[in-house]
Amino acid sequence: MSENELHDLLAELKEQRSGADLVDAEYQQRLDDIVESLEQQRLYPDTFDQYSVLSEQIQGLLDDYREDHPTIDSLLDGITRLLANFRT
């Protein structure tokens, strides 16, 4: 995984998150948890566990809210692909 790619996607995700009108508290919390995990991953890439549930958390959020926030969902899709490439 390119550290720069993850950094760019994470920055864009945080920007979209702060600018989005997210009325669903559960979505906000789940997204915040994912952002926090991604920040930890970016800060400590050598500690990434290939069995991490981060990809599953992202996919679960996408499955539950795909139609509600298409821009954020697109960013999360990109992050999922980066994580998958990192683990192979």
N, C-alpha and C. Protein backbone atom coordinates (compact mmCIF):
# COMPACT_ATOMS: atom_id res chain seq x y z
N MET A 1 0.85 -1.17 0.00
CA MET A 1 0.00 0.00 0.00
C MET A 1 0.89 1.22 0.00
N SER A 2 0.53 2.13 -0.80
CA SER A 2 1.27 3.38 -0.83
C SER A 2 0.83 4.24 0.35
N GLU A 3 1.80 4.62 1.15
CA GLU A 3 1.50 5.47 2.30
C GLU A 3 0.90 6.79 1.85
N ASN A 4 1.38 7.30 0.71
CA ASN A 4 0.84 8.55 0.19
C ASN A 4 -0.61 8.40 -0.24
N GLU A 5 -0.93 7.27 -0.87
CA GLU A 5 -2.32 7.05 -1.29
C GLU A 5 -3.25 7.00 -0.08
N LEU A 6 -2.84 6.27 0.95
CA LEU A 6 -3.66 6.18 2.15
C LEU A 6 -3.80 7.55 2.79
N HIS A 7 -2.72 8.29 2.87
CA HIS A 7 -2.77 9.64 3.45
C HIS A 7 -3.75 10.52 2.69
N ASP A 8 -3.67 10.49 1.35
CA ASP A 8 -4.56 11.32 0.53
C ASP A 8 -6.02 10.93 0.70
N LEU A 9 -6.30 9.63 0.69
CA LEU A 9 -7.68 9.17 0.86
C LEU A 9 -8.20 9.51 2.25
N LEU A 10 -7.36 9.34 3.25
CA LEU A 10 -7.76 9.65 4.61
C LEU A 10 -8.05 11.14 4.77
N ALA A 11 -7.21 11.98 4.20
CA ALA A 11 -7.44 13.43 4.27
C ALA A 11 -8.74 13.80 3.57
N GLU A 12 -8.99 13.21 2.42
CA GLU A 12 -10.23 13.51 1.70
C GLU A 12 -11.45 12.99 2.45
N LEU A 13 -11.32 11.81 3.05
CA LEU A 13 -12.41 11.24 3.84
C LEU A 13 -12.74 12.15 5.02
N LYS A 14 -11.72 12.64 5.72
CA LYS A 14 -11.96 13.53 6.86
C LYS A 14 -12.61 14.83 6.41
N GLU A 15 -12.19 15.34 5.26
CA GLU A 15 -12.79 16.56 4.72
C GLU A 15 -14.26 16.33 4.38
N GLN A 16 -14.55 15.23 3.71
CA GLN A 16 -15.94 14.91 3.37
C GLN A 16 -16.77 14.68 4.63
N ARG A 17 -16.18 14.03 5.61
CA ARG A 17 -16.88 13.74 6.86
C ARG A 17 -17.27 15.04 7.57
N SER A 18 -16.35 15.99 7.60
CA SER A 18 -16.64 17.24 8.30
C SER A 18 -17.63 18.10 7.54
N GLY A 19 -17.68 17.96 6.22
CA GLY A 19 -18.59 18.77 5.42
C GLY A 19 -19.93 18.13 5.15
N ALA A 20 -20.07 16.86 5.49
CA ALA A 20 -21.31 16.14 5.20
C ALA A 20 -22.35 16.40 6.28
N ASP A 21 -23.58 16.36 5.86
CA ASP A 21 -24.70 16.51 6.79
C ASP A 21 -25.12 15.10 7.21
N LEU A 22 -24.42 14.57 8.21
CA LEU A 22 -24.68 13.20 8.65
C LEU A 22 -25.61 13.24 9.86
N VAL A 23 -26.84 12.87 9.63
CA VAL A 23 -27.82 12.93 10.71
C VAL A 23 -27.91 11.62 11.47
N ASP A 24 -27.39 10.56 10.90
CA ASP A 24 -27.46 9.25 11.54
C ASP A 24 -26.27 9.10 12.49
N ALA A 25 -26.56 9.08 13.79
CA ALA A 25 -25.50 9.02 14.81
C ALA A 25 -24.69 7.73 14.71
N GLU A 26 -25.35 6.62 14.38
CA GLU A 26 -24.62 5.35 14.26
C GLU A 26 -23.63 5.42 13.10
N TYR A 27 -24.05 5.97 11.97
CA TYR A 27 -23.15 6.13 10.82
C TYR A 27 -21.96 6.99 11.20
N GLN A 28 -22.23 8.11 11.88
CA GLN A 28 -21.15 9.00 12.30
C GLN A 28 -20.15 8.27 13.18
N GLN A 29 -20.64 7.52 14.16
CA GLN A 29 -19.76 6.82 15.08
C GLN A 29 -18.94 5.76 14.36
N ARG A 30 -19.59 4.99 13.51
CA ARG A 30 -18.87 3.95 12.77
C ARG A 30 -17.82 4.56 11.85
N LEU A 31 -18.15 5.66 11.20
CA LEU A 31 -17.19 6.33 10.33
C LEU A 31 -16.03 6.91 11.14
N ASP A 32 -16.33 7.50 12.28
CA ASP A 32 -15.28 8.03 13.15
C ASP A 32 -14.34 6.93 13.62
N ASP A 33 -14.88 5.77 13.96
CA ASP A 33 -14.06 4.63 14.38
C ASP A 33 -13.13 4.18 13.26
N ILE A 34 -13.66 4.14 12.05
CA ILE A 34 -12.85 3.74 10.89
C ILE A 34 -11.75 4.76 10.64
N VAL A 35 -12.08 6.05 10.70
CA VAL A 35 -11.08 7.10 10.49
C VAL A 35 -9.98 6.98 11.54
N GLU A 36 -10.35 6.75 12.78
CA GLU A 36 -9.36 6.61 13.85
C GLU A 36 -8.45 5.40 13.59
N SER A 37 -9.03 4.29 13.18
CA SER A 37 -8.23 3.10 12.86
C SER A 37 -7.29 3.36 11.69
N LEU A 38 -7.77 4.07 10.69
CA LEU A 38 -6.93 4.39 9.53
C LEU A 38 -5.79 5.33 9.92
N GLU A 39 -6.06 6.25 10.82
CA GLU A 39 -5.00 7.14 11.28
C GLU A 39 -3.93 6.35 12.01
N GLN A 40 -4.35 5.39 12.83
CA GLN A 40 -3.38 4.53 13.51
C GLN A 40 -2.58 3.71 12.51
N GLN A 41 -3.26 3.20 11.49
CA GLN A 41 -2.59 2.43 10.44
C GLN A 41 -1.55 3.29 9.72
N ARG A 42 -1.91 4.52 9.45
CA ARG A 42 -0.99 5.42 8.75
C ARG A 42 0.22 5.74 9.63
N LEU A 43 -0.01 5.93 10.93
CA LEU A 43 1.08 6.27 11.83
C LEU A 43 1.99 5.09 12.12
N TYR A 44 1.41 3.88 12.15
CA TYR A 44 2.17 2.68 12.51
C TYR A 44 1.94 1.57 11.49
N PRO A 45 2.40 1.76 10.25
CA PRO A 45 2.10 0.79 9.19
C PRO A 45 2.69 -0.60 9.44
N ASP A 46 3.78 -0.68 10.19
CA ASP A 46 4.40 -1.98 10.44
C ASP A 46 3.60 -2.85 11.40
N THR A 47 2.66 -2.25 12.11
CA THR A 47 1.88 -3.02 13.07
C THR A 47 0.55 -3.49 12.49
N PHE A 48 0.34 -3.25 11.19
CA PHE A 48 -0.92 -3.65 10.58
C PHE A 48 -1.04 -5.16 10.61
N ASP A 49 -2.09 -5.65 11.17
CA ASP A 49 -2.35 -7.08 11.27
C ASP A 49 -3.14 -7.52 10.04
N GLN A 50 -2.61 -8.48 9.32
CA GLN A 50 -3.30 -8.91 8.10
C GLN A 50 -4.68 -9.48 8.39
N TYR A 51 -4.94 -9.82 9.64
CA TYR A 51 -6.26 -10.34 9.99
C TYR A 51 -7.13 -9.27 10.63
N SER A 52 -6.72 -8.05 10.50
CA SER A 52 -7.47 -6.93 11.05
C SER A 52 -8.90 -6.93 10.52
N VAL A 53 -9.80 -6.46 11.33
CA VAL A 53 -11.20 -6.39 10.93
C VAL A 53 -11.54 -5.06 10.28
N LEU A 54 -10.55 -4.22 10.05
CA LEU A 54 -10.81 -2.90 9.47
C LEU A 54 -11.53 -2.99 8.13
N SER A 55 -11.07 -3.87 7.27
CA SER A 55 -11.74 -4.02 5.96
C SER A 55 -13.18 -4.46 6.13
N GLU A 56 -13.41 -5.36 7.09
CA GLU A 56 -14.78 -5.82 7.34
C GLU A 56 -15.65 -4.70 7.90
N GLN A 57 -15.06 -3.86 8.76
CA GLN A 57 -15.81 -2.72 9.30
C GLN A 57 -16.22 -1.77 8.18
N ILE A 58 -15.28 -1.50 7.28
CA ILE A 58 -15.57 -0.61 6.16
C ILE A 58 -16.65 -1.20 5.28
N GLN A 59 -16.51 -2.49 4.96
CA GLN A 59 -17.50 -3.14 4.09
C GLN A 59 -18.88 -3.14 4.74
N GLY A 60 -18.93 -3.37 6.04
CA GLY A 60 -20.21 -3.33 6.75
C GLY A 60 -20.87 -1.97 6.68
N LEU A 61 -20.08 -0.92 6.84
CA LEU A 61 -20.61 0.44 6.74
C LEU A 61 -21.11 0.71 5.33
N LEU A 62 -20.34 0.27 4.34
CA LEU A 62 -20.76 0.45 2.94
C LEU A 62 -22.06 -0.29 2.67
N ASP A 63 -22.16 -1.51 3.14
CA ASP A 63 -23.36 -2.30 2.90
C ASP A 63 -24.60 -1.66 3.52
N ASP A 64 -24.42 -1.08 4.70
CA ASP A 64 -25.56 -0.50 5.42
C ASP A 64 -25.98 0.87 4.90
N TYR A 65 -25.04 1.63 4.32
CA TYR A 65 -25.34 3.03 4.00
C TYR A 65 -24.93 3.43 2.59
N ARG A 66 -24.74 2.51 1.69
CA ARG A 66 -24.19 2.80 0.37
C ARG A 66 -24.94 3.92 -0.34
N GLU A 67 -26.22 3.95 -0.29
CA GLU A 67 -27.01 4.93 -1.04
C GLU A 67 -27.05 6.31 -0.37
N ASP A 68 -26.75 6.36 0.91
CA ASP A 68 -26.91 7.61 1.65
C ASP A 68 -25.79 8.63 1.44
N HIS A 69 -24.57 8.14 1.27
CA HIS A 69 -23.41 9.03 1.20
C HIS A 69 -22.45 8.55 0.12
N PRO A 70 -22.79 8.76 -1.15
CA PRO A 70 -22.00 8.17 -2.25
C PRO A 70 -20.55 8.65 -2.31
N THR A 71 -20.27 9.90 -1.98
CA THR A 71 -18.89 10.38 -2.04
C THR A 71 -18.04 9.70 -0.97
N ILE A 72 -18.55 9.65 0.24
CA ILE A 72 -17.83 8.98 1.32
C ILE A 72 -17.68 7.50 1.00
N ASP A 73 -18.74 6.90 0.48
CA ASP A 73 -18.67 5.48 0.13
C ASP A 73 -17.61 5.21 -0.92
N SER A 74 -17.48 6.10 -1.89
CA SER A 74 -16.45 5.94 -2.92
C SER A 74 -15.05 5.99 -2.31
N LEU A 75 -14.84 6.90 -1.38
CA LEU A 75 -13.55 6.98 -0.69
C LEU A 75 -13.29 5.71 0.12
N LEU A 76 -14.31 5.22 0.80
CA LEU A 76 -14.14 4.00 1.59
C LEU A 76 -13.84 2.80 0.69
N ASP A 77 -14.46 2.76 -0.48
CA ASP A 77 -14.14 1.69 -1.45
C ASP A 77 -12.66 1.74 -1.83
N GLY A 78 -12.15 2.93 -2.08
CA GLY A 78 -10.73 3.08 -2.42
C GLY A 78 -9.82 2.64 -1.28
N ILE A 79 -10.20 2.98 -0.07
CA ILE A 79 -9.41 2.57 1.09
C ILE A 79 -9.43 1.06 1.24
N THR A 80 -10.58 0.44 1.03
CA THR A 80 -10.69 -1.02 1.10
C THR A 80 -9.75 -1.67 0.10
N ARG A 81 -9.70 -1.15 -1.12
CA ARG A 81 -8.79 -1.70 -2.13
C ARG A 81 -7.33 -1.55 -1.71
N LEU A 82 -6.98 -0.41 -1.15
CA LEU A 82 -5.61 -0.21 -0.68
C LEU A 82 -5.26 -1.20 0.43
N LEU A 83 -6.17 -1.40 1.35
CA LEU A 83 -5.92 -2.34 2.44
C LEU A 83 -5.76 -3.76 1.90
N ALA A 84 -6.57 -4.13 0.93
CA ALA A 84 -6.47 -5.47 0.34
C ALA A 84 -5.12 -5.65 -0.35
N ASN A 85 -4.66 -4.63 -1.05
CA ASN A 85 -3.36 -4.70 -1.72
C ASN A 85 -2.22 -4.78 -0.71
N PHE A 86 -2.39 -4.11 0.41
CA PHE A 86 -1.37 -4.10 1.44
C PHE A 86 -1.21 -5.48 2.06
N ARG A 87 -2.31 -6.19 2.18
CA ARG A 87 -2.29 -7.49 2.84
C ARG A 87 -1.79 -8.60 1.95
N THR A 88 -1.69 -8.37 0.64
CA THR A 88 -1.25 -9.46 -0.23
C THR A 88 0.23 -9.46 -0.41
